[in-house]
Amino acid sequence: MLILRYGVTGFYPAPSVSKTEFRDLCYSLFRKKIFKFIGGETGKSFYECIIKEKDDNFHILLNAQYPFLAFTAPRKLDTHDLPFIEIPEIAKPLNQFYEILSPAQLNEPFIYTKKGRKIRVKNKNKLHHEELQQIAYWESKTVGEVVFNFYD
């Protein structure tokens, strides 16, 4: 499956996923366990649902352009570090609506070379040249940093 698709960074028109549908699905599945829902912030390419329970805290991320979903361990919201994790029991009900990306897929190094304005990417991709310029500017190091980014 191709993850690095045209527009996945949020910079170019691409199919978009519904923030409202994602929020409503999270509320229907997790009810009172939702601590916070974050969506549509400028400079952020994803929506985020923070789940807090007694001993079970995690974040659910959904790319705003494509139905790519991932989980992270608890983290501070003002940091760009995304510690991707697997949660099979939570992924199961979401699997029918979204493509669940694994930590292995998301932690794959994003490898490119740049000569002048020309950027060559080793990873399989369909990214637009302007997206590649942004990725190089922000120095994204993994596929996960491209899909779930904080570019502005």
Protein backbone atom coordinates (compact mmCIF):
# COMPACT_ATOMS: atom_id res chain seq x y z
CA MET A 1 0.00 0.00 0.00
CA LEU A 2 1.27 3.43 -0.92
CA ILE A 3 1.33 5.75 2.09
CA LEU A 4 3.23 8.73 0.67
CA ARG A 5 0.47 9.85 -1.69
CA TYR A 6 -0.07 13.19 -3.38
CA GLY A 7 -1.40 15.64 -0.79
CA VAL A 8 -0.84 13.46 2.30
CA THR A 9 1.14 16.33 3.86
CA GLY A 10 -1.90 18.61 3.66
CA PHE A 11 -0.25 21.00 1.21
CA TYR A 12 -2.16 20.07 -1.92
CA PRO A 13 -5.76 19.22 -2.63
CA ALA A 14 -6.34 15.58 -1.93
CA PRO A 15 -9.28 13.58 -0.76
CA SER A 16 -10.09 14.63 2.76
CA VAL A 17 -11.49 12.71 5.69
CA SER A 18 -14.30 14.04 7.84
CA LYS A 19 -13.24 15.47 11.17
CA THR A 20 -16.85 15.25 12.34
CA GLU A 21 -17.19 11.57 11.44
CA PHE A 22 -13.90 10.76 13.18
CA ARG A 23 -14.90 12.70 16.30
CA ASP A 24 -18.34 11.09 16.40
CA LEU A 25 -16.86 7.61 15.94
CA CYS A 26 -14.38 8.20 18.76
CA TYR A 27 -17.14 9.40 21.07
CA SER A 28 -19.34 6.42 20.21
CA LEU A 29 -16.50 3.94 20.85
CA PHE A 30 -14.82 5.52 23.85
CA ARG A 31 -17.55 7.67 25.43
CA LYS A 32 -16.33 9.13 28.73
CA LYS A 33 -12.75 8.00 28.19
CA ILE A 34 -12.11 10.87 25.77
CA PHE A 35 -10.05 13.54 27.46
CA LYS A 36 -9.75 15.85 24.47
CA PHE A 37 -10.44 15.99 20.73
CA ILE A 38 -8.22 18.23 18.60
CA GLY A 39 -8.99 18.94 14.98
CA GLY A 40 -8.40 21.45 12.26
CA GLU A 41 -5.48 23.32 13.80
CA THR A 42 -3.41 25.39 11.41
CA GLY A 43 -0.08 23.77 10.64
CA LYS A 44 -1.16 20.29 11.71
CA SER A 45 -1.94 17.60 9.11
CA PHE A 46 -4.03 15.41 11.41
CA TYR A 47 -6.85 15.16 13.91
CA GLU A 48 -6.18 13.80 17.37
CA CYS A 49 -8.28 12.08 20.01
CA ILE A 50 -6.74 11.74 23.46
CA ILE A 51 -8.00 8.78 25.48
CA LYS A 52 -7.44 8.75 29.24
CA GLU A 53 -8.48 5.93 31.47
CA LYS A 54 -7.13 4.72 34.80
CA ASP A 55 -4.06 2.91 33.50
CA ASP A 56 -4.63 3.22 29.77
CA ASN A 57 -3.67 6.51 28.12
CA PHE A 58 -2.98 6.92 24.41
CA HIS A 59 -3.60 9.18 21.43
CA ILE A 60 -5.38 8.31 18.18
CA LEU A 61 -4.16 10.25 15.14
CA LEU A 62 -6.00 10.50 11.80
CA ASN A 63 -4.42 12.11 8.75
CA ALA A 64 -6.72 14.92 7.56
CA GLN A 65 -6.34 14.00 3.87
CA TYR A 66 -6.33 10.21 3.73
CA PRO A 67 -7.93 7.64 6.07
CA PHE A 68 -4.58 6.77 7.68
CA LEU A 69 -4.82 6.18 11.41
CA ALA A 70 -2.12 5.61 14.03
CA PHE A 71 -1.71 5.37 17.78
CA THR A 72 0.86 7.06 19.99
CA ALA A 73 1.85 6.65 23.60
CA PRO A 74 0.91 9.55 25.90
CA ARG A 75 2.85 12.67 24.97
CA LYS A 76 2.91 16.40 25.56
CA LEU A 77 0.87 18.24 22.96
CA ASP A 78 3.49 20.93 22.48
CA THR A 79 6.10 18.42 21.29
CA HIS A 80 6.43 17.06 17.78
CA ASP A 81 7.69 13.70 19.00
CA LEU A 82 5.22 10.97 18.02
CA PRO A 83 5.98 7.67 19.81
CA PHE A 84 3.94 5.33 17.59
CA ILE A 85 2.55 2.19 19.21
CA GLU A 86 0.26 -0.71 18.33
CA ILE A 87 -3.00 -1.29 20.19
CA PRO A 88 -4.69 -4.27 18.46
CA GLU A 89 -7.80 -4.28 20.67
CA ILE A 90 -8.48 -0.61 19.87
CA ALA A 91 -7.51 -0.96 16.21
CA LYS A 92 -10.05 -3.72 15.60
CA PRO A 93 -13.24 -1.56 15.70
CA LEU A 94 -11.51 1.28 13.82
CA ASN A 95 -10.14 -1.03 11.13
CA GLN A 96 -13.40 -1.05 9.20
CA PHE A 97 -13.27 2.74 8.76
CA TYR A 98 -9.56 3.56 8.46
CA GLU A 99 -6.25 2.08 7.34
CA ILE A 100 -4.29 1.42 10.54
CA LEU A 101 -0.60 2.21 10.04
CA SER A 102 1.90 0.24 12.09
CA PRO A 103 4.89 1.65 13.97
CA ALA A 104 7.13 -0.20 11.48
CA GLN A 105 5.52 1.65 8.56
CA LEU A 106 5.60 5.01 10.33
CA ASN A 107 9.13 4.71 11.70
CA GLU A 108 10.51 3.81 8.26
CA PRO A 109 13.25 6.33 7.46
CA PHE A 110 12.30 8.94 4.86
CA ILE A 111 15.34 8.92 2.59
CA TYR A 112 16.05 11.63 0.04
CA THR A 113 18.86 13.56 -1.57
CA LYS A 114 18.70 17.20 -2.59
CA LYS A 115 20.68 18.96 -5.30
CA GLY A 116 19.54 22.53 -5.76
CA ARG A 117 15.78 22.41 -6.17
CA LYS A 118 15.81 18.78 -7.30
CA ILE A 119 14.83 16.25 -4.64
CA ARG A 120 15.09 12.51 -5.19
CA VAL A 121 13.24 10.24 -2.79
CA LYS A 122 14.17 6.61 -2.23
CA ASN A 123 10.82 5.72 -0.59
CA LYS A 124 7.96 4.74 -2.88
CA ASN A 125 5.86 7.90 -3.24
CA LYS A 126 3.58 10.08 -5.34
CA LEU A 127 4.39 13.30 -3.49
CA HIS A 128 4.30 16.63 -5.34
CA HIS A 129 7.56 18.57 -5.74
CA GLU A 130 6.28 21.34 -3.44
CA GLU A 131 5.49 18.76 -0.75
CA LEU A 132 9.04 17.45 -1.09
CA GLN A 133 10.35 20.99 -0.63
CA GLN A 134 8.37 21.28 2.62
CA ILE A 135 9.57 17.88 3.83
CA ALA A 136 13.17 18.90 3.18
CA TYR A 137 12.65 22.31 4.82
CA TRP A 138 11.13 20.77 7.98
CA GLU A 139 13.72 17.96 7.91
CA SER A 140 11.23 15.12 8.32
CA LYS A 141 13.15 11.95 9.07
CA THR A 142 10.44 9.26 8.95
CA VAL A 143 7.31 8.38 6.99
CA GLY A 144 5.34 9.10 10.18
CA GLU A 145 6.74 12.64 10.37
CA VAL A 146 5.53 13.21 6.80
CA VAL A 147 2.03 11.77 7.28
CA PHE A 148 1.47 13.31 10.73
CA ASN A 149 3.24 16.64 10.45
CA PHE A 150 3.30 20.05 12.08
CA TYR A 151 4.29 22.06 8.99
CA ASP A 152 2.81 25.54 8.79
